[in-house]
C-alpha atoms as a PDB file:
ATOM      1  CA  MET A   1       6.851  11.212 -14.044  1.00  0.00           C
ATOM      2  CA  SER A   2       7.135   8.625 -11.214  1.00  0.00           C
ATOM      3  CA  LYS A   3       7.469   5.052 -11.269  1.00  0.00           C
ATOM      4  CA  ILE A   4       4.086   4.728  -9.616  1.00  0.00           C
ATOM      5  CA  GLN A   5       2.620   7.035 -12.215  1.00  0.00           C
ATOM      6  CA  ASP A   6       4.165   5.301 -15.055  1.00  0.00           C
ATOM      7  CA  LYS A   7       2.583   1.963 -13.789  1.00  0.00           C
ATOM      8  CA  PHE A   8      -0.907   3.632 -13.734  1.00  0.00           C
ATOM      9  CA  LYS A   9      -0.376   4.952 -17.168  1.00  0.00           C
ATOM     10  CA  GLU A  10       0.893   1.404 -18.766  1.00  0.00           C
ATOM     11  CA  LEU A  11      -2.148  -0.102 -17.068  1.00  0.00           C
ATOM     12  CA  LYS A  12      -4.415   2.218 -18.333  1.00  0.00           C
ATOM     13  CA  SER A  13      -3.159   1.554 -21.920  1.00  0.00           C
ATOM     14  CA  LYS A  14      -3.873  -2.183 -21.121  1.00  0.00           C
ATOM     15  CA  ASN A  15      -7.440  -1.638 -19.713  1.00  0.00           C
ATOM     16  CA  GLU A  16      -6.319  -3.150 -16.407  1.00  0.00           C
ATOM     17  CA  LYS A  17      -6.594  -1.657 -12.943  1.00  0.00           C
ATOM     18  CA  ALA A  18      -3.707  -1.933 -10.225  1.00  0.00           C
ATOM     19  CA  LEU A  19      -3.132  -4.856  -7.785  1.00  0.00           C
ATOM     20  CA  ILE A  20      -1.318  -3.435  -4.911  1.00  0.00           C
ATOM     21  CA  SER A  21      -0.182  -6.066  -2.599  1.00  0.00           C
ATOM     22  CA  TYR A  22       0.703  -5.414   1.105  1.00  0.00           C
ATOM     23  CA  ILE A  23       3.101  -7.363   3.201  1.00  0.00           C
ATOM     24  CA  MET A  24       5.018  -6.469   6.645  1.00  0.00           C
ATOM     25  CA  THR A  25       8.673  -6.784   6.132  1.00  0.00           C
ATOM     26  CA  GLY A  26      10.369  -9.051   8.658  1.00  0.00           C
ATOM     27  CA  PHE A  27       7.328 -11.256   8.956  1.00  0.00           C
ATOM     28  CA  PRO A  28       7.611 -14.204   9.661  1.00  0.00           C
ATOM     29  CA  ASN A  29      11.323 -13.387   9.190  1.00  0.00           C
ATOM     30  CA  GLU A  30      13.593 -11.765   6.422  1.00  0.00           C
ATOM     31  CA  ASN A  31      14.053 -14.679   4.279  1.00  0.00           C
ATOM     32  CA  ALA A  32      10.446 -15.368   4.132  1.00  0.00           C
ATOM     33  CA  THR A  33      10.032 -11.661   3.004  1.00  0.00           C
ATOM     34  CA  LEU A  34      11.899 -12.219  -0.096  1.00  0.00           C
ATOM     35  CA  SER A  35      10.088 -15.389  -0.933  1.00  0.00           C
ATOM     36  CA  ILE A  36       6.729 -13.801  -0.533  1.00  0.00           C
ATOM     37  CA  VAL A  37       7.815 -10.786  -2.706  1.00  0.00           C
ATOM     38  CA  ARG A  38       8.742 -13.126  -5.348  1.00  0.00           C
ATOM     39  CA  GLY A  39       5.557 -14.907  -5.187  1.00  0.00           C
ATOM     40  CA  LEU A  40       3.567 -11.282  -5.411  1.00  0.00           C
ATOM     41  CA  VAL A  41       5.681 -10.465  -8.374  1.00  0.00           C
ATOM     42  CA  LYS A  42       5.244 -13.659 -10.306  1.00  0.00           C
ATOM     43  CA  GLY A  43       1.502 -13.696  -9.224  1.00  0.00           C
ATOM     44  CA  GLY A  44       1.178 -10.313 -11.132  1.00  0.00           C
ATOM     45  CA  ALA A  45       1.091  -7.559  -8.322  1.00  0.00           C
ATOM     46  CA  ASP A  46       1.538  -4.295  -9.813  1.00  0.00           C
ATOM     47  CA  ILE A  47       2.928  -2.488  -7.060  1.00  0.00           C
ATOM     48  CA  LEU A  48       4.387  -3.551  -3.754  1.00  0.00           C
ATOM     49  CA  GLU A  49       3.378  -1.808  -0.222  1.00  0.00           C
ATOM     50  CA  LEU A  50       5.964  -2.707   2.254  1.00  0.00           C
ATOM     51  CA  GLY A  51       5.197  -2.349   5.859  1.00  0.00           C
ATOM     52  CA  PHE A  52       7.837  -1.197   8.528  1.00  0.00           C
ATOM     53  CA  PRO A  53       6.537  -1.948  11.907  1.00  0.00           C
ATOM     54  CA  PHE A  54       5.599   0.444  14.499  1.00  0.00           C
ATOM     55  CA  SER A  55       4.725  -0.220  18.100  1.00  0.00           C
ATOM     56  CA  ASP A  56       1.446   1.773  17.981  1.00  0.00           C
ATOM     57  CA  PRO A  57      -0.005   0.973  14.610  1.00  0.00           C
ATOM     58  CA  ILE A  58      -3.381   3.113  14.965  1.00  0.00           C
ATOM     59  CA  ALA A  59      -4.943   2.238  11.412  1.00  0.00           C
ATOM     60  CA  ASP A  60      -4.092  -1.547  11.605  1.00  0.00           C
ATOM     61  CA  GLY A  61      -6.477  -4.224  12.715  1.00  0.00           C
ATOM     62  CA  PRO A  62      -5.253  -7.362  14.618  1.00  0.00           C
ATOM     63  CA  VAL A  63      -3.881  -9.373  11.564  1.00  0.00           C
ATOM     64  CA  ILE A  64      -1.352  -6.504  10.796  1.00  0.00           C
ATOM     65  CA  GLN A  65      -0.755  -5.472  14.428  1.00  0.00           C
ATOM     66  CA  ASN A  66       0.203  -9.227  15.036  1.00  0.00           C
ATOM     67  CA  ALA A  67       2.749  -9.035  12.061  1.00  0.00           C
ATOM     68  CA  SER A  68       4.082  -5.822  13.293  1.00  0.00           C
ATOM     69  CA  THR A  69       4.581  -7.301  16.718  1.00  0.00           C
ATOM     70  CA  VAL A  70       6.367 -10.448  15.273  1.00  0.00           C
ATOM     71  CA  SER A  71       8.537  -8.326  13.013  1.00  0.00           C
ATOM     72  CA  LEU A  72       9.548  -5.903  15.998  1.00  0.00           C
ATOM     73  CA  ASN A  73      10.334  -8.920  18.322  1.00  0.00           C
ATOM     74  CA  LYS A  74      12.510 -10.247  15.557  1.00  0.00           C
ATOM     75  CA  GLY A  75      14.663  -7.092  15.814  1.00  0.00           C
ATOM     76  CA  ALA A  76      13.163  -4.982  12.786  1.00  0.00           C
ATOM     77  CA  LYS A  77      15.214  -2.242  12.310  1.00  0.00           C
ATOM     78  CA  ILE A  78      15.028   0.757   9.543  1.00  0.00           C
ATOM     79  CA  GLU A  79      18.592  -0.138   8.521  1.00  0.00           C
ATOM     80  CA  LYS A  80      17.595  -3.763   7.831  1.00  0.00           C
ATOM     81  CA  PHE A  81      14.470  -2.701   6.043  1.00  0.00           C
ATOM     82  CA  PHE A  82      16.377  -0.631   3.657  1.00  0.00           C
ATOM     83  CA  LYS A  83      18.679  -3.664   3.017  1.00  0.00           C
ATOM     84  CA  ILE A  84      15.695  -5.586   2.071  1.00  0.00           C
ATOM     85  CA  VAL A  85      14.474  -2.998  -0.060  1.00  0.00           C
ATOM     86  CA  LYS A  86      17.755  -3.179  -1.902  1.00  0.00           C
ATOM     87  CA  LYS A  87      17.624  -6.941  -2.297  1.00  0.00           C
ATOM     88  CA  ILE A  88      14.063  -6.653  -3.780  1.00  0.00           C
ATOM     89  CA  ARG A  89      15.106  -3.819  -6.002  1.00  0.00           C
ATOM     90  CA  LYS A  90      17.897  -6.087  -7.426  1.00  0.00           C
ATOM     91  CA  GLU A  91      15.289  -8.694  -8.538  1.00  0.00           C
ATOM     92  CA  THR A  92      12.507  -6.306  -9.677  1.00  0.00           C
ATOM     93  CA  ASP A  93      11.513  -3.044 -11.338  1.00  0.00           C
ATOM     94  CA  ILE A  94       8.247  -3.200  -9.619  1.00  0.00           C
ATOM     95  CA  PRO A  95       6.925   0.176  -7.826  1.00  0.00           C
ATOM     96  CA  LEU A  96       7.675   0.031  -4.217  1.00  0.00           C
ATOM     97  CA  VAL A  97       5.584   2.125  -1.517  1.00  0.00           C
ATOM     98  CA  LEU A  98       6.903   2.386   2.354  1.00  0.00           C
ATOM     99  CA  MET A  99       3.803   2.072   4.647  1.00  0.00           C
ATOM    100  CA  THR A 100       4.841   3.007   8.194  1.00  0.00           C
ATOM    101  CA  TYR A 101       4.032   5.847  10.857  1.00  0.00           C
ATOM    102  CA  THR A 102       4.894   9.580  10.851  1.00  0.00           C
ATOM    103  CA  ASN A 103       7.110   9.004  14.064  1.00  0.00           C
ATOM    104  CA  VAL A 104       9.628   6.704  12.057  1.00  0.00           C
ATOM    105  CA  LEU A 105      10.610   9.322   9.831  1.00  0.00           C
ATOM    106  CA  TYR A 106      10.232  12.251  12.274  1.00  0.00           C
ATOM    107  CA  THR A 107      12.773  10.446  14.655  1.00  0.00           C
ATOM    108  CA  HIS A 108      15.500  10.193  11.674  1.00  0.00           C
ATOM    109  CA  GLY A 109      14.588  13.633  10.164  1.00  0.00           C
ATOM    110  CA  TYR A 110      12.363  13.625   7.162  1.00  0.00           C
ATOM    111  CA  SER A 111      15.179  14.641   4.750  1.00  0.00           C
ATOM    112  CA  ALA A 112      17.716  12.137   6.001  1.00  0.00           C
ATOM    113  CA  PHE A 113      15.168   9.308   6.036  1.00  0.00           C
ATOM    114  CA  MET A 114      13.749  10.158   2.414  1.00  0.00           C
ATOM    115  CA  LEU A 115      17.379  10.280   0.835  1.00  0.00           C
ATOM    116  CA  LYS A 116      17.734   6.631   2.278  1.00  0.00           C
ATOM    117  CA  ALA A 117      14.441   5.428   1.339  1.00  0.00           C
ATOM    118  CA  LYS A 118      15.045   6.780  -2.302  1.00  0.00           C
ATOM    119  CA  SER A 119      18.536   5.362  -2.717  1.00  0.00           C
ATOM    120  CA  ALA A 120      17.245   2.082  -1.497  1.00  0.00           C
ATOM    121  CA  GLY A 121      14.719   1.675  -4.019  1.00  0.00           C
ATOM    122  CA  ILE A 122      11.314   3.043  -2.416  1.00  0.00           C
ATOM    123  CA  ASP A 123       9.022   5.152  -4.710  1.00  0.00           C
ATOM    124  CA  GLY A 124       6.571   6.254  -2.390  1.00  0.00           C
ATOM    125  CA  LEU A 125       5.157   6.748   1.206  1.00  0.00           C
ATOM    126  CA  ILE A 126       2.180   5.987   2.881  1.00  0.00           C
ATOM    127  CA  LEU A 127       1.834   7.412   6.560  1.00  0.00           C
ATOM    128  CA  PRO A 128      -1.721   6.754   7.673  1.00  0.00           C
ATOM    129  CA  ASP A 129      -1.286   9.268  10.779  1.00  0.00           C
ATOM    130  CA  MET A 130       0.127  12.044   8.933  1.00  0.00           C
ATOM    131  CA  SER A 131      -2.343  14.872   8.834  1.00  0.00           C
ATOM    132  CA  ILE A 132      -2.362  17.505   6.047  1.00  0.00           C
ATOM    133  CA  GLU A 133      -1.972  20.320   8.350  1.00  0.00           C
ATOM    134  CA  GLU A 134       1.250  19.006   9.783  1.00  0.00           C
ATOM    135  CA  SER A 135       2.665  17.718   6.466  1.00  0.00           C
ATOM    136  CA  LYS A 136       4.699  20.788   5.093  1.00  0.00           C
ATOM    137  CA  GLU A 137       8.118  19.612   5.938  1.00  0.00           C
ATOM    138  CA  TYR A 138       7.373  16.173   4.920  1.00  0.00           C
ATOM    139  CA  LEU A 139       5.901  17.244   1.382  1.00  0.00           C
ATOM    140  CA  LYS A 140       8.906  19.395   0.919  1.00  0.00           C
ATOM    141  CA  SER A 141      11.396  16.442   1.685  1.00  0.00           C
ATOM    142  CA  ALA A 142       9.493  13.992  -0.618  1.00  0.00           C
ATOM    143  CA  LYS A 143       9.408  16.458  -3.361  1.00  0.00           C
ATOM    144  CA  LYS A 144      13.246  17.140  -2.938  1.00  0.00           C
ATOM    145  CA  ASN A 145      13.739  13.190  -3.251  1.00  0.00           C
ATOM    146  CA  ASN A 146      11.175  12.480  -5.984  1.00  0.00           C
ATOM    147  CA  LEU A 147       9.061  10.312  -3.783  1.00  0.00           C
ATOM    148  CA  ASP A 148       5.220  10.142  -4.212  1.00  0.00           C
ATOM    149  CA  THR A 149       3.275  11.251  -1.014  1.00  0.00           C
ATOM    150  CA  ILE A 150      -0.040   8.843  -0.802  1.00  0.00           C
ATOM    151  CA  PHE A 151      -2.600  10.217   1.702  1.00  0.00           C
ATOM    152  CA  LEU A 152      -5.557   8.713   3.062  1.00  0.00           C
ATOM    153  CA  VAL A 153      -9.108   9.714   2.879  1.00  0.00           C
ATOM    154  CA  SER A 154     -12.232   7.880   4.219  1.00  0.00           C
ATOM    155  CA  PRO A 155     -15.876   7.733   3.426  1.00  0.00           C
ATOM    156  CA  ASN A 156     -16.934  10.586   5.507  1.00  0.00           C
ATOM    157  CA  THR A 157     -14.086  12.908   4.484  1.00  0.00           C
ATOM    158  CA  LYS A 158     -16.057  16.350   3.644  1.00  0.00           C
ATOM    159  CA  ASN A 159     -15.309  17.407   0.084  1.00  0.00           C
ATOM    160  CA  ASP A 160     -13.317  20.593   0.833  1.00  0.00           C
ATOM    161  CA  ARG A 161     -10.950  18.581   3.014  1.00  0.00           C
ATOM    162  CA  LEU A 162     -11.117  15.846   0.257  1.00  0.00           C
ATOM    163  CA  LYS A 163      -9.778  18.431  -2.334  1.00  0.00           C
ATOM    164  CA  LYS A 164      -6.942  19.473   0.161  1.00  0.00           C
ATOM    165  CA  ILE A 165      -5.789  16.060   0.488  1.00  0.00           C
ATOM    166  CA  ALA A 166      -5.981  15.050  -2.950  1.00  0.00           C
ATOM    167  CA  LYS A 167      -3.906  18.245  -3.947  1.00  0.00           C
ATOM    168  CA  ALA A 168      -1.039  17.093  -1.557  1.00  0.00           C
ATOM    169  CA  SER A 169      -1.346  13.456  -2.899  1.00  0.00           C
ATOM    170  CA  THR A 170       0.861  12.100  -5.700  1.00  0.00           C
ATOM    171  CA  GLY A 171       0.915   8.615  -7.112  1.00  0.00           C
ATOM    172  CA  PHE A 172      -2.590   7.762  -6.005  1.00  0.00           C
ATOM    173  CA  LEU A 173      -5.008   8.587  -3.218  1.00  0.00           C
ATOM    174  CA  TYR A 174      -6.063   6.135  -0.940  1.00  0.00           C
ATOM    175  CA  LEU A 175      -9.470   5.690  -0.062  1.00  0.00           C
ATOM    176  CA  VAL A 176     -10.358   3.359   3.098  1.00  0.00           C
ATOM    177  CA  ALA A 177     -13.220   1.174   2.514  1.00  0.00           C
ATOM    178  CA  VAL A 178     -14.632   0.923   5.880  1.00  0.00           C
ATOM    179  CA  PHE A 179     -14.823   2.663   9.013  1.00  0.00           C
ATOM    180  CA  GLY A 180     -12.363   1.423  11.600  1.00  0.00           C
ATOM    181  CA  THR A 181      -9.134  -0.445  11.033  1.00  0.00           C
ATOM    182  CA  THR A 182      -7.901  -2.747   8.357  1.00  0.00           C
ATOM    183  CA  GLY A 183      -8.935  -6.524   8.400  1.00  0.00           C
ATOM    184  CA  VAL A 184     -10.599  -8.862   6.189  1.00  0.00           C
ATOM    185  CA  GLN A 185     -14.246  -7.709   5.786  1.00  0.00           C
ATOM    186  CA  THR A 186     -17.280  -9.851   4.817  1.00  0.00           C
ATOM    187  CA  LYS A 187     -19.415  -7.341   2.790  1.00  0.00           C
ATOM    188  CA  ILE A 188     -19.043  -4.436   0.548  1.00  0.00           C
ATOM    189  CA  HIS A 189     -21.053  -1.451   2.187  1.00  0.00           C
ATOM    190  CA  LYS A 190     -23.072   1.012  -0.177  1.00  0.00           C
ATOM    191  CA  TYR A 191     -21.624   3.902   1.531  1.00  0.00           C
ATOM    192  CA  THR A 192     -18.014   2.709   0.328  1.00  0.00           C
ATOM    193  CA  ILE A 193     -19.538   2.786  -3.206  1.00  0.00           C
ATOM    194  CA  ASP A 194     -21.051   6.027  -2.811  1.00  0.00           C
ATOM    195  CA  ALA A 195     -17.525   7.398  -1.425  1.00  0.00           C
ATOM    196  CA  ILE A 196     -15.880   5.847  -4.489  1.00  0.00           C
ATOM    197  CA  LYS A 197     -18.083   7.793  -6.894  1.00  0.00           C
ATOM    198  CA  ASN A 198     -17.871  10.845  -5.025  1.00  0.00           C
ATOM    199  CA  ALA A 199     -14.390  10.973  -4.688  1.00  0.00           C
ATOM    200  CA  LYS A 200     -13.749  10.248  -8.605  1.00  0.00           C
ATOM    201  CA  LYS A 201     -15.990  13.383  -9.012  1.00  0.00           C
ATOM    202  CA  VAL A 202     -13.954  15.454  -6.624  1.00  0.00           C
ATOM    203  CA  VAL A 203     -10.580  14.268  -7.833  1.00  0.00           C
ATOM    204  CA  ASN A 204     -11.953  14.533 -11.456  1.00  0.00           C
ATOM    205  CA  ARG A 205      -9.170  12.073 -13.022  1.00  0.00           C
ATOM    206  CA  LYS A 206      -6.277  14.397 -11.914  1.00  0.00           C
ATOM    207  CA  LEU A 207      -5.263  11.361  -9.609  1.00  0.00           C
ATOM    208  CA  PRO A 208      -5.649   7.705  -9.525  1.00  0.00           C
ATOM    209  CA  LEU A 209      -7.823   6.240  -6.638  1.00  0.00           C
ATOM    210  CA  GLY A 210      -7.058   3.362  -4.769  1.00  0.00           C
ATOM    211  CA  ILE A 211      -9.147   1.537  -2.415  1.00  0.00           C
ATOM    212  CA  GLY A 212      -7.863  -0.669   0.659  1.00  0.00           C
ATOM    213  CA  PHE A 213      -9.212  -2.142   4.212  1.00  0.00           C
ATOM    214  CA  GLY A 214     -10.953  -5.404   3.929  1.00  0.00           C
ATOM    215  CA  VAL A 215     -10.464  -6.478   0.411  1.00  0.00           C
ATOM    216  CA  SER A 216      -9.608  -9.963   0.174  1.00  0.00           C
ATOM    217  CA  THR A 217     -11.396 -11.819  -2.608  1.00  0.00           C
ATOM    218  CA  PRO A 218     -11.578 -11.791  -6.405  1.00  0.00           C
ATOM    219  CA  VAL A 219     -15.081 -10.923  -6.194  1.00  0.00           C
ATOM    220  CA  ASP A 220     -14.441  -7.836  -3.952  1.00  0.00           C
ATOM    221  CA  VAL A 221     -11.700  -6.795  -6.451  1.00  0.00           C
ATOM    222  CA  LYS A 222     -14.276  -7.161  -9.335  1.00  0.00           C
ATOM    223  CA  LYS A 223     -16.936  -4.926  -7.411  1.00  0.00           C
ATOM    224  CA  TYR A 224     -14.499  -2.051  -6.585  1.00  0.00           C
ATOM    225  CA  VAL A 225     -13.177  -2.180 -10.357  1.00  0.00           C
ATOM    226  CA  SER A 226     -16.639  -1.920 -11.242  1.00  0.00           C
ATOM    227  CA  ALA A 227     -17.322   1.031  -8.955  1.00  0.00           C
ATOM    228  CA  GLY A 228     -14.477   2.946 -11.018  1.00  0.00           C
ATOM    229  CA  VAL A 229     -11.367   2.506  -8.770  1.00  0.00           C
ATOM    230  CA  ASP A 230      -7.850   2.652 -10.380  1.00  0.00           C
ATOM    231  CA  ALA A 231      -6.567   0.131  -7.606  1.00  0.00           C
ATOM    232  CA  VAL A 232      -7.170  -2.220  -4.987  1.00  0.00           C
ATOM    233  CA  ILE A 233      -5.044  -2.837  -2.098  1.00  0.00           C
ATOM    234  CA  VAL A 234      -4.764  -5.988  -0.378  1.00  0.00           C
ATOM    235  CA  GLY A 235      -3.075  -6.545   2.787  1.00  0.00           C
ATOM    236  CA  SER A 236      -4.473  -8.487   5.893  1.00  0.00           C
ATOM    237  CA  ALA A 237      -5.717 -11.236   3.334  1.00  0.00           C
ATOM    238  CA  ASN A 238      -1.973 -11.807   2.464  1.00  0.00           C
ATOM    239  CA  LEU A 239      -1.043 -11.736   5.772  1.00  0.00           C
ATOM    240  CA  LYS A 240      -3.150 -14.372   6.680  1.00  0.00           C
ATOM    241  CA  ILE A 241      -1.990 -16.771   4.083  1.00  0.00           C
ATOM    242  CA  ILE A 242       1.458 -16.110   5.473  1.00  0.00           C
ATOM    243  CA  GLU A 243       0.551 -16.969   8.981  1.00  0.00           C
ATOM    244  CA  ASN A 244      -0.970 -20.317   7.948  1.00  0.00           C
ATOM    245  CA  THR A 245       1.294 -21.712   5.464  1.00  0.00           C
ATOM    246  CA  SER A 246       4.484 -23.470   5.923  1.00  0.00           C
ATOM    247  CA  SER A 247       7.694 -21.874   4.682  1.00  0.00           C
ATOM    248  CA  SER A 248       8.166 -24.480   1.570  1.00  0.00           C
ATOM    249  CA  LYS A 249       4.587 -23.717   0.321  1.00  0.00           C
ATOM    250  CA  LEU A 250       4.694 -20.320   0.826  1.00  0.00           C
ATOM    251  CA  GLN A 251       5.890 -18.624  -2.345  1.00  0.00           C
ATOM    252  CA  ASN A 252       3.580 -20.711  -4.514  1.00  0.00           C
ATOM    253  CA  LYS A 253       0.428 -20.261  -2.194  1.00  0.00           C
ATOM    254  CA  ILE A 254       1.146 -16.291  -2.577  1.00  0.00           C
ATOM    255  CA  THR A 255       1.440 -16.605  -6.406  1.00  0.00           C
ATOM    256  CA  GLU A 256      -1.763 -18.491  -6.907  1.00  0.00           C
ATOM    257  CA  TYR A 257      -3.774 -16.180  -4.686  1.00  0.00           C
ATOM    258  CA  THR A 258      -2.233 -13.161  -6.299  1.00  0.00           C
ATOM    259  CA  LYS A 259      -3.125 -14.535  -9.836  1.00  0.00           C
ATOM    260  CA  LYS A 260      -6.832 -14.735  -8.993  1.00  0.00           C
ATOM    261  CA  LEU A 261      -7.043 -11.310  -7.524  1.00  0.00           C
ATOM    262  CA  LYS A 262      -4.985  -9.872 -10.583  1.00  0.00           C
ATOM    263  CA  ARG A 263      -7.518 -11.429 -13.051  1.00  0.00           C
ATOM    264  CA  SER A 264     -10.132  -9.603 -11.543  1.00  0.00           C
ATOM    265  CA  THR A 265      -8.433  -6.214 -12.347  1.00  0.00           C
ATOM    266  CA  ARG A 266      -8.738  -6.588 -16.063  1.00  0.00           C
ATOM    267  CA  ILE A 267     -11.735  -4.673 -17.402  1.00  0.00           C
END
C-alpha cells in the first residue's frame, strides 16, 4: 500500500475526509515555500500537492498561472524542486504529490524522472495533460517506482471512459468540479454534485474520489464532503493568501486558514 492509500485508510478509521492542499513551489520564493509547508502541516492538511511550474499550464487559471510565472522567473529547475522536496521530507511524513505537466517528465525520460522523484520523497503524480491513450510508458515507470498515478476526470466524462481512467488511477481519482480552469469559484453547481454521485457509483468504492478546482471556503468543503467525496483539493485560495500576506505573517495565516478547512472534513 502506498503512503497516499495509507492516509485515506487512516482518515476513514477516524471518520474524516482528506484535505489536500496545493501550493506552487518557489512561489513567491524558496524560503517561503518551506514556511508555507510548515503552516499547512500545522493546520492539519492531510496530503500536500506540490506544483512544479510549466510555461503553458493549460488546466490552470490566472492565480496559478501567475504563481507559475513567478516561480519560473525566480529560476525554477527540477533539481531545485527535488532539493525542496527532500527538505520537506526531513520535516514531515505527510504524503507528497507532484503536480506538473507531461512534457516535464518526457524531457527527462519517464523512468529517470520518477526514480529521482521517488528518491526525493514524492508519493504520487498529477499530470493534467496526460491522456489515458498515451499513458502506457508513464504508468509502467510509475508502477516500477511505486508512485501513485492520479488522473483527472470532468463532470462530462462519459462512464466508459471514466471506468478506463479510474482503472489507471491509483491513490485517488481527481474530479474537476467545474468546466474550465482552476480558480476561486463563487458557487457549487448542481452538475458537479451529480458528477460526484455518478463517479462514486462507477468507481464503486475501489478508489477514493477527490474534488478540486474552485474549492475555497469551509462551506465548500462541507458541501462536497456531504455529497460523498473522499478528499477536497484547495489550491488557488492558498495562493491568494500567499500573494496578499507579508512573509512574517504567512505561516500563521496559512495555518489558521487550513485549520478552518480541515474542521469541515470531519463527518
